[in-house]
Amino acid sequence: MATSTPLPNSRTEPDGSVLRVLSYNIRSLRDDTAALARVIGACAPDLVLIQEAPRFFRWRKKLARLAAASGLVVLTGGATAAGPAILCSLRATVERTEDVLLPLTPGQHRRGFATAVVRFGGARLGVLSCHLSLQKDERYEQGGMLLDRLAGLGVDHAVAGGDLNERPGGPTFSRLADGLQDCRAVAPWGGENTFTPVTPFQRIDAIFATKGVEVLGCGVPLGLPGVTETDLRAATDHLPVLAALKVPVG
């Protein structure tokens, strides 16, 4: 059962930084972008892990407009990662970014990862946004690539999130949850199911963190001040996942 206590706000403490991380499939901005920006802004995130960012005509400008309307900046990703992207607040100090294209399976969509290493005060964090395949075997292989990519970032602490196209208990979801913390399972907060917005019946979007990160709460931000059901339904075809995490110094 999800806790009803408020989700902690972002802050810097002597032993680490509390961050808000949002994962959101925005369906290439084909819906109500003003509603989408209101939802993102109301969540007050430090990092936004986006899936289905614009990939075609003037995609950089469209993504930058969404970031600005949400009080954020574009960190990396978009067409260069085949859809995943990362936005961040001005709290973040960026060390490096890298967009990764995954092997293309004939007949399937191109997939990729948007990745970065950032610092919040003395806390250093690897970040990865993903949108995994609809095809079961390819999705499982991509789950392994995700774990390898996180391990290769050269950081003690990392967070990954996105649209997994799979429910908890599935082979790929389980593979990720075995190697990482499934933040929703560790500290349930807010709503659970992410698809579809009108009648959510399954959790296919998730945020994961490495073992040393403290999960303070995670779930769909239903009832969060400034987040309305009308905006959630109008913004895109997924519900967002919001997590509060404490990343240790070091």
C-alpha atoms as a PDB file:
ATOM      1  CA  MET A   1       0.000   0.000   0.000  1.00  0.00           C
ATOM      2  CA  ALA A   2       1.296   3.456  -0.857  1.00  0.00           C
ATOM      3  CA  THR A   3       2.115   5.869   1.902  1.00  0.00           C
ATOM      4  CA  SER A   4       0.066   9.063   2.141  1.00  0.00           C
ATOM      5  CA  THR A   5       2.920  11.118   3.594  1.00  0.00           C
ATOM      6  CA  PRO A   6       4.149  14.030   1.423  1.00  0.00           C
ATOM      7  CA  LEU A   7       7.000  13.342  -0.955  1.00  0.00           C
ATOM      8  CA  PRO A   8      10.197  15.037   0.293  1.00  0.00           C
ATOM      9  CA  ASN A   9      11.325  18.199  -1.459  1.00  0.00           C
ATOM     10  CA  SER A  10      14.738  18.552  -3.054  1.00  0.00           C
ATOM     11  CA  ARG A  11      17.468  19.681  -0.712  1.00  0.00           C
ATOM     12  CA  THR A  12      21.197  19.407  -0.078  1.00  0.00           C
ATOM     13  CA  GLU A  13      22.343  17.927   3.218  1.00  0.00           C
ATOM     14  CA  PRO A  14      25.849  17.382   4.624  1.00  0.00           C
ATOM     15  CA  ASP A  15      25.757  13.642   3.886  1.00  0.00           C
ATOM     16  CA  GLY A  16      23.969  13.754   0.537  1.00  0.00           C
ATOM     17  CA  SER A  17      21.353  15.332  -1.696  1.00  0.00           C
ATOM     18  CA  VAL A  18      17.624  14.636  -1.882  1.00  0.00           C
ATOM     19  CA  LEU A  19      16.480  14.640  -5.507  1.00  0.00           C
ATOM     20  CA  ARG A  20      13.171  14.369  -7.276  1.00  0.00           C
ATOM     21  CA  VAL A  21      13.362  12.217 -10.408  1.00  0.00           C
ATOM     22  CA  LEU A  22      10.469  12.030 -12.877  1.00  0.00           C
ATOM     23  CA  SER A  23      10.058   9.461 -15.671  1.00  0.00           C
ATOM     24  CA  TYR A  24       7.533  10.338 -18.397  1.00  0.00           C
ATOM     25  CA  ASN A  25       6.588   9.026 -21.844  1.00  0.00           C
ATOM     26  CA  ILE A  26       5.491  12.210 -23.651  1.00  0.00           C
ATOM     27  CA  ARG A  27       4.327  10.617 -26.938  1.00  0.00           C
ATOM     28  CA  SER A  28       6.365  12.942 -29.183  1.00  0.00           C
ATOM     29  CA  LEU A  29       4.440  15.981 -27.883  1.00  0.00           C
ATOM     30  CA  ARG A  30       1.377  14.959 -29.886  1.00  0.00           C
ATOM     31  CA  ASP A  31      -1.052  15.853 -27.103  1.00  0.00           C
ATOM     32  CA  ASP A  32      -1.620  18.905 -24.864  1.00  0.00           C
ATOM     33  CA  THR A  33       1.870  20.302 -24.338  1.00  0.00           C
ATOM     34  CA  ALA A  34       0.658  23.018 -21.952  1.00  0.00           C
ATOM     35  CA  ALA A  35      -0.895  20.343 -19.718  1.00  0.00           C
ATOM     36  CA  LEU A  36       2.299  18.297 -19.973  1.00  0.00           C
ATOM     37  CA  ALA A  37       4.426  21.258 -18.886  1.00  0.00           C
ATOM     38  CA  ARG A  38       2.107  21.945 -15.961  1.00  0.00           C
ATOM     39  CA  VAL A  39       2.391  18.354 -14.743  1.00  0.00           C
ATOM     40  CA  ILE A  40       6.178  18.360 -15.037  1.00  0.00           C
ATOM     41  CA  GLY A  41       6.507  21.751 -13.354  1.00  0.00           C
ATOM     42  CA  ALA A  42       4.214  20.789 -10.475  1.00  0.00           C
ATOM     43  CA  CYS A  43       6.365  17.716  -9.754  1.00  0.00           C
ATOM     44  CA  ALA A  44       9.363  20.043  -9.188  1.00  0.00           C
ATOM     45  CA  PRO A  45      11.859  17.508 -10.545  1.00  0.00           C
ATOM     46  CA  ASP A  46      15.636  17.781 -10.546  1.00  0.00           C
ATOM     47  CA  LEU A  47      15.809  15.230 -13.374  1.00  0.00           C
ATOM     48  CA  VAL A  48      13.217  14.201 -15.965  1.00  0.00           C
ATOM     49  CA  LEU A  49      13.761  10.923 -17.801  1.00  0.00           C
ATOM     50  CA  ILE A  50      11.754  11.317 -20.994  1.00  0.00           C
ATOM     51  CA  GLN A  51      10.655   8.718 -23.511  1.00  0.00           C
ATOM     52  CA  GLU A  52       9.301   9.418 -26.993  1.00  0.00           C
ATOM     53  CA  ALA A  53      10.841  12.865 -27.215  1.00  0.00           C
ATOM     54  CA  PRO A  54      10.391  14.543 -30.627  1.00  0.00           C
ATOM     55  CA  ARG A  55      12.723  12.967 -33.214  1.00  0.00           C
ATOM     56  CA  PHE A  56      11.949  14.709 -36.486  1.00  0.00           C
ATOM     57  CA  PHE A  57      11.466  18.253 -37.818  1.00  0.00           C
ATOM     58  CA  ARG A  58      12.834  20.864 -35.366  1.00  0.00           C
ATOM     59  CA  TRP A  59      12.983  18.280 -32.602  1.00  0.00           C
ATOM     60  CA  ARG A  60      15.619  20.182 -30.612  1.00  0.00           C
ATOM     61  CA  LYS A  61      13.520  23.340 -30.533  1.00  0.00           C
ATOM     62  CA  LYS A  62      10.395  21.430 -29.478  1.00  0.00           C
ATOM     63  CA  LEU A  63      12.208  19.704 -26.629  1.00  0.00           C
ATOM     64  CA  ALA A  64      13.815  22.978 -25.524  1.00  0.00           C
ATOM     65  CA  ARG A  65      10.409  24.670 -25.437  1.00  0.00           C
ATOM     66  CA  LEU A  66       8.992  21.943 -23.231  1.00  0.00           C
ATOM     67  CA  ALA A  67      11.972  22.217 -20.879  1.00  0.00           C
ATOM     68  CA  ALA A  68      11.652  25.998 -20.644  1.00  0.00           C
ATOM     69  CA  ALA A  69       7.903  25.799 -20.033  1.00  0.00           C
ATOM     70  CA  SER A  70       8.608  23.332 -17.206  1.00  0.00           C
ATOM     71  CA  GLY A  71      11.358  25.445 -15.627  1.00  0.00           C
ATOM     72  CA  LEU A  72      14.120  23.079 -16.770  1.00  0.00           C
ATOM     73  CA  VAL A  73      16.848  22.729 -19.397  1.00  0.00           C
ATOM     74  CA  VAL A  74      17.659  19.962 -21.873  1.00  0.00           C
ATOM     75  CA  LEU A  75      20.547  17.826 -20.672  1.00  0.00           C
ATOM     76  CA  THR A  76      20.823  15.276 -23.492  1.00  0.00           C
ATOM     77  CA  GLY A  77      18.942  12.931 -25.795  1.00  0.00           C
ATOM     78  CA  GLY A  78      16.066  13.180 -28.239  1.00  0.00           C
ATOM     79  CA  ALA A  79      16.569  12.053 -31.829  1.00  0.00           C
ATOM     80  CA  THR A  80      20.227  11.269 -31.093  1.00  0.00           C
ATOM     81  CA  ALA A  81      19.085   8.571 -28.632  1.00  0.00           C
ATOM     82  CA  ALA A  82      16.103   7.442 -30.768  1.00  0.00           C
ATOM     83  CA  GLY A  83      13.605   9.010 -28.351  1.00  0.00           C
ATOM     84  CA  PRO A  84      14.853   8.941 -24.749  1.00  0.00           C
ATOM     85  CA  ALA A  85      15.990  12.297 -23.342  1.00  0.00           C
ATOM     86  CA  ILE A  86      16.959  13.848 -20.019  1.00  0.00           C
ATOM     87  CA  LEU A  87      15.939  17.265 -18.691  1.00  0.00           C
ATOM     88  CA  CYS A  88      17.406  18.759 -15.525  1.00  0.00           C
ATOM     89  CA  SER A  89      17.057  21.667 -13.147  1.00  0.00           C
ATOM     90  CA  LEU A  90      19.756  24.267 -12.645  1.00  0.00           C
ATOM     91  CA  ARG A  91      20.744  22.479  -9.427  1.00  0.00           C
ATOM     92  CA  ALA A  92      22.609  19.953 -11.553  1.00  0.00           C
ATOM     93  CA  THR A  93      26.272  20.270 -12.433  1.00  0.00           C
ATOM     94  CA  VAL A  94      26.850  18.246 -15.584  1.00  0.00           C
ATOM     95  CA  GLU A  95      30.038  16.186 -15.895  1.00  0.00           C
ATOM     96  CA  ARG A  96      29.290  14.439 -19.188  1.00  0.00           C
ATOM     97  CA  THR A  97      26.542  13.095 -21.428  1.00  0.00           C
ATOM     98  CA  GLU A  98      26.327  10.314 -23.998  1.00  0.00           C
ATOM     99  CA  ASP A  99      23.512   9.161 -26.276  1.00  0.00           C
ATOM    100  CA  VAL A 100      23.644   5.476 -27.196  1.00  0.00           C
ATOM    101  CA  LEU A 101      21.909   3.756 -30.121  1.00  0.00           C
ATOM    102  CA  LEU A 102      21.152   0.080 -29.516  1.00  0.00           C
ATOM    103  CA  PRO A 103      21.467  -2.671 -32.136  1.00  0.00           C
ATOM    104  CA  LEU A 104      18.616  -2.525 -34.625  1.00  0.00           C
ATOM    105  CA  THR A 105      16.456  -5.626 -35.010  1.00  0.00           C
ATOM    106  CA  PRO A 106      14.898  -5.857 -38.491  1.00  0.00           C
ATOM    107  CA  GLY A 107      11.227  -4.961 -38.341  1.00  0.00           C
ATOM    108  CA  GLN A 108      11.512  -3.252 -34.945  1.00  0.00           C
ATOM    109  CA  HIS A 109      11.867   0.403 -33.978  1.00  0.00           C
ATOM    110  CA  ARG A 110      15.347   1.759 -33.306  1.00  0.00           C
ATOM    111  CA  ARG A 111      15.954   2.086 -29.555  1.00  0.00           C
ATOM    112  CA  GLY A 112      18.553   3.924 -27.511  1.00  0.00           C
ATOM    113  CA  PHE A 113      19.634   5.271 -24.128  1.00  0.00           C
ATOM    114  CA  ALA A 114      20.141   8.869 -23.047  1.00  0.00           C
ATOM    115  CA  THR A 115      22.826   8.910 -20.343  1.00  0.00           C
ATOM    116  CA  ALA A 116      24.631  11.445 -18.191  1.00  0.00           C
ATOM    117  CA  VAL A 117      26.750  11.873 -15.091  1.00  0.00           C
ATOM    118  CA  VAL A 118      25.705  14.805 -12.907  1.00  0.00           C
ATOM    119  CA  ARG A 119      26.455  16.222  -9.480  1.00  0.00           C
ATOM    120  CA  PHE A 120      24.136  17.770  -6.909  1.00  0.00           C
ATOM    121  CA  GLY A 121      26.344  19.290  -4.259  1.00  0.00           C
ATOM    122  CA  GLY A 122      28.721  16.522  -3.207  1.00  0.00           C
ATOM    123  CA  ALA A 123      26.468  13.762  -4.565  1.00  0.00           C
ATOM    124  CA  ARG A 124      27.505  12.278  -7.913  1.00  0.00           C
ATOM    125  CA  LEU A 125      24.947  10.354  -9.946  1.00  0.00           C
ATOM    126  CA  GLY A 126      24.755   8.386 -13.187  1.00  0.00           C
ATOM    127  CA  VAL A 127      21.468   8.832 -15.064  1.00  0.00           C
ATOM    128  CA  LEU A 128      19.853   6.772 -17.831  1.00  0.00           C
ATOM    129  CA  SER A 129      16.541   7.154 -19.688  1.00  0.00           C
ATOM    130  CA  CYS A 130      15.214   4.221 -21.725  1.00  0.00           C
ATOM    131  CA  HIS A 131      12.267   3.005 -23.784  1.00  0.00           C
ATOM    132  CA  LEU A 132      12.516  -0.745 -24.199  1.00  0.00           C
ATOM    133  CA  SER A 133      11.273  -2.867 -27.084  1.00  0.00           C
ATOM    134  CA  LEU A 134       7.752  -4.186 -27.558  1.00  0.00           C
ATOM    135  CA  GLN A 135       9.312  -7.521 -28.565  1.00  0.00           C
ATOM    136  CA  LYS A 136      10.009  -9.829 -25.606  1.00  0.00           C
ATOM    137  CA  ASP A 137      13.409 -11.264 -26.572  1.00  0.00           C
ATOM    138  CA  GLU A 138      14.798  -7.950 -27.778  1.00  0.00           C
ATOM    139  CA  ARG A 139      13.514  -6.246 -24.632  1.00  0.00           C
ATOM    140  CA  TYR A 140      15.318  -8.781 -22.441  1.00  0.00           C
ATOM    141  CA  GLU A 141      18.596  -8.167 -24.268  1.00  0.00           C
ATOM    142  CA  GLN A 142      18.116  -4.423 -23.890  1.00  0.00           C
ATOM    143  CA  GLY A 143      17.624  -4.893 -20.152  1.00  0.00           C
ATOM    144  CA  GLY A 144      21.063  -6.477 -19.998  1.00  0.00           C
ATOM    145  CA  MET A 145      22.527  -3.619 -22.043  1.00  0.00           C
ATOM    146  CA  LEU A 146      20.976  -1.154 -19.610  1.00  0.00           C
ATOM    147  CA  LEU A 147      22.652  -2.815 -16.633  1.00  0.00           C
ATOM    148  CA  ASP A 148      25.974  -2.933 -18.489  1.00  0.00           C
ATOM    149  CA  ARG A 149      25.691   0.732 -19.439  1.00  0.00           C
ATOM    150  CA  LEU A 150      24.993   1.782 -15.841  1.00  0.00           C
ATOM    151  CA  ALA A 151      27.961  -0.255 -14.629  1.00  0.00           C
ATOM    152  CA  GLY A 152      30.141   1.403 -17.253  1.00  0.00           C
ATOM    153  CA  LEU A 153      29.331   4.960 -16.168  1.00  0.00           C
ATOM    154  CA  GLY A 154      32.065   4.804 -13.536  1.00  0.00           C
ATOM    155  CA  VAL A 155      29.928   6.064 -10.641  1.00  0.00           C
ATOM    156  CA  ASP A 156      28.948   4.594  -7.271  1.00  0.00           C
ATOM    157  CA  HIS A 157      25.309   5.661  -7.553  1.00  0.00           C
ATOM    158  CA  ALA A 158      22.935   5.708 -10.509  1.00  0.00           C
ATOM    159  CA  VAL A 159      19.279   5.990 -11.446  1.00  0.00           C
ATOM    160  CA  ALA A 160      17.544   4.594 -14.529  1.00  0.00           C
ATOM    161  CA  GLY A 161      13.964   4.979 -15.618  1.00  0.00           C
ATOM    162  CA  GLY A 162      11.605   4.731 -18.494  1.00  0.00           C
ATOM    163  CA  ASP A 163       8.885   2.918 -20.364  1.00  0.00           C
ATOM    164  CA  LEU A 164       9.716  -0.782 -20.030  1.00  0.00           C
ATOM    165  CA  ASN A 165       6.763  -2.078 -22.054  1.00  0.00           C
ATOM    166  CA  GLU A 166       6.527  -4.812 -19.416  1.00  0.00           C
ATOM    167  CA  ARG A 167       4.872  -5.316 -16.043  1.00  0.00           C
ATOM    168  CA  PRO A 168       6.562  -6.304 -12.757  1.00  0.00           C
ATOM    169  CA  GLY A 169       7.242 -10.030 -12.736  1.00  0.00           C
ATOM    170  CA  GLY A 170       8.076 -10.127 -16.437  1.00  0.00           C
ATOM    171  CA  PRO A 171      11.543 -11.416 -17.355  1.00  0.00           C
ATOM    172  CA  THR A 172      13.047  -8.020 -18.232  1.00  0.00           C
ATOM    173  CA  PHE A 173      11.451  -6.155 -15.324  1.00  0.00           C
ATOM    174  CA  SER A 174      12.673  -8.905 -12.991  1.00  0.00           C
ATOM    175  CA  ARG A 175      16.169  -8.742 -14.491  1.00  0.00           C
ATOM    176  CA  LEU A 176      16.354  -5.035 -13.692  1.00  0.00           C
ATOM    177  CA  ALA A 177      14.779  -5.419 -10.254  1.00  0.00           C
ATOM    178  CA  ASP A 178      17.298  -8.150  -9.366  1.00  0.00           C
ATOM    179  CA  GLY A 179      20.248  -5.870 -10.101  1.00  0.00           C
ATOM    180  CA  LEU A 180      18.728  -2.571  -8.968  1.00  0.00           C
ATOM    181  CA  GLN A 181      16.120  -1.226  -6.575  1.00  0.00           C
ATOM    182  CA  ASP A 182      12.623  -0.986  -8.058  1.00  0.00           C
ATOM    183  CA  CYS A 183      11.845   2.326  -6.385  1.00  0.00           C
ATOM    184  CA  ARG A 184       8.079   1.853  -6.366  1.00  0.00           C
ATOM    185  CA  ALA A 185       8.395  -1.547  -4.663  1.00  0.00           C
ATOM    186  CA  VAL A 186      10.875  -0.208  -2.084  1.00  0.00           C
ATOM    187  CA  ALA A 187       8.916   2.893  -1.006  1.00  0.00           C
ATOM    188  CA  PRO A 188       5.391   3.045  -2.486  1.00  0.00           C
ATOM    189  CA  TRP A 189       3.895   6.517  -2.680  1.00  0.00           C
ATOM    190  CA  GLY A 190       1.072   7.959  -4.794  1.00  0.00           C
ATOM    191  CA  GLY A 191      -0.498   5.817  -7.506  1.00  0.00           C
ATOM    192  CA  GLU A 192       0.814   2.577  -8.960  1.00  0.00           C
ATOM    193  CA  ASN A 193      -0.361   1.930 -12.534  1.00  0.00           C
ATOM    194  CA  THR A 194       0.926   4.103 -15.373  1.00  0.00           C
ATOM    195  CA  PHE A 195      -0.977   3.026 -18.487  1.00  0.00           C
ATOM    196  CA  THR A 196      -3.450   4.245 -19.678  1.00  0.00           C
ATOM    197  CA  PRO A 197      -4.193   7.646 -18.077  1.00  0.00           C
ATOM    198  CA  VAL A 198      -7.985   7.313 -18.258  1.00  0.00           C
ATOM    199  CA  THR A 199      -8.166   3.775 -16.850  1.00  0.00           C
ATOM    200  CA  PRO A 200      -4.676   2.811 -15.647  1.00  0.00           C
ATOM    201  CA  PHE A 201      -4.497  -0.978 -15.398  1.00  0.00           C
ATOM    202  CA  GLN A 202      -0.791  -1.813 -15.578  1.00  0.00           C
ATOM    203  CA  ARG A 203       2.583  -0.554 -14.345  1.00  0.00           C
ATOM    204  CA  ILE A 204       4.923  -0.506 -17.334  1.00  0.00           C
ATOM    205  CA  ASP A 205       6.889   2.650 -16.436  1.00  0.00           C
ATOM    206  CA  ALA A 206       9.400   2.543 -13.596  1.00  0.00           C
ATOM    207  CA  ILE A 207      12.371   4.155 -11.894  1.00  0.00           C
ATOM    208  CA  PHE A 208      15.281   2.036 -10.631  1.00  0.00           C
ATOM    209  CA  ALA A 209      18.227   3.019  -8.438  1.00  0.00           C
ATOM    210  CA  THR A 210      21.480   1.358  -7.456  1.00  0.00           C
ATOM    211  CA  LYS A 211      21.703  -0.194  -4.018  1.00  0.00           C
ATOM    212  CA  GLY A 212      23.407   2.697  -2.230  1.00  0.00           C
ATOM    213  CA  VAL A 213      20.670   5.220  -3.062  1.00  0.00           C
ATOM    214  CA  GLU A 214      17.987   5.700  -0.396  1.00  0.00           C
ATOM    215  CA  VAL A 215      14.476   5.597  -1.872  1.00  0.00           C
ATOM    216  CA  LEU A 216      12.172   7.977   0.031  1.00  0.00           C
ATOM    217  CA  GLY A 217       9.044   7.476  -2.069  1.00  0.00           C
ATOM    218  CA  CYS A 218       7.979   6.587  -5.606  1.00  0.00           C
ATOM    219  CA  GLY A 219       4.777   6.455  -7.613  1.00  0.00           C
ATOM    220  CA  VAL A 220       2.358   8.263  -9.891  1.00  0.00           C
ATOM    221  CA  PRO A 221       1.924  11.818  -8.515  1.00  0.00           C
ATOM    222  CA  LEU A 222      -1.852  11.618  -8.120  1.00  0.00           C
ATOM    223  CA  GLY A 223      -3.066  14.334  -5.761  1.00  0.00           C
ATOM    224  CA  LEU A 224       0.243  16.186  -5.734  1.00  0.00           C
ATOM    225  CA  PRO A 225      -0.475  19.931  -5.479  1.00  0.00           C
ATOM    226  CA  GLY A 226      -0.698  21.379  -8.984  1.00  0.00           C
ATOM    227  CA  VAL A 227      -1.155  17.983 -10.680  1.00  0.00           C
ATOM    228  CA  THR A 228      -4.745  17.566 -11.857  1.00  0.00           C
ATOM    229  CA  GLU A 229      -6.462  14.528 -13.338  1.00  0.00           C
ATOM    230  CA  THR A 230      -7.532  16.688 -16.271  1.00  0.00           C
ATOM    231  CA  ASP A 231      -3.919  17.566 -17.088  1.00  0.00           C
ATOM    232  CA  LEU A 232      -2.713  13.986 -16.592  1.00  0.00           C
ATOM    233  CA  ARG A 233      -5.286  12.718 -19.070  1.00  0.00           C
ATOM    234  CA  ALA A 234      -4.619  15.474 -21.596  1.00  0.00           C
ATOM    235  CA  ALA A 235      -0.799  15.518 -21.444  1.00  0.00           C
ATOM    236  CA  THR A 236       0.085  12.160 -23.042  1.00  0.00           C
ATOM    237  CA  ASP A 237      -0.901   8.477 -23.113  1.00  0.00           C
ATOM    238  CA  HIS A 238       1.120   7.454 -20.024  1.00  0.00           C
ATOM    239  CA  LEU A 239       1.079   8.580 -16.407  1.00  0.00           C
ATOM    240  CA  PRO A 240       4.398   9.821 -14.985  1.00  0.00           C
ATOM    241  CA  VAL A 241       6.417   8.194 -12.219  1.00  0.00           C
ATOM    242  CA  LEU A 242       7.960  10.476  -9.583  1.00  0.00           C
ATOM    243  CA  ALA A 243      10.604   9.369  -7.071  1.00  0.00           C
ATOM    244  CA  ALA A 244      12.356  11.110  -4.199  1.00  0.00           C
ATOM    245  CA  LEU A 245      15.847   9.737  -3.725  1.00  0.00           C
ATOM    246  CA  LYS A 246      18.678  10.524  -1.330  1.00  0.00           C
ATOM    247  CA  VAL A 247      22.047  10.180  -3.054  1.00  0.00           C
ATOM    248  CA  PRO A 248      25.012   9.947  -0.655  1.00  0.00           C
ATOM    249  CA  VAL A 249      28.018  12.225  -0.893  1.00  0.00           C
ATOM    250  CA  GLY A 250      31.017  10.621  -2.549  1.00  0.00           C
END
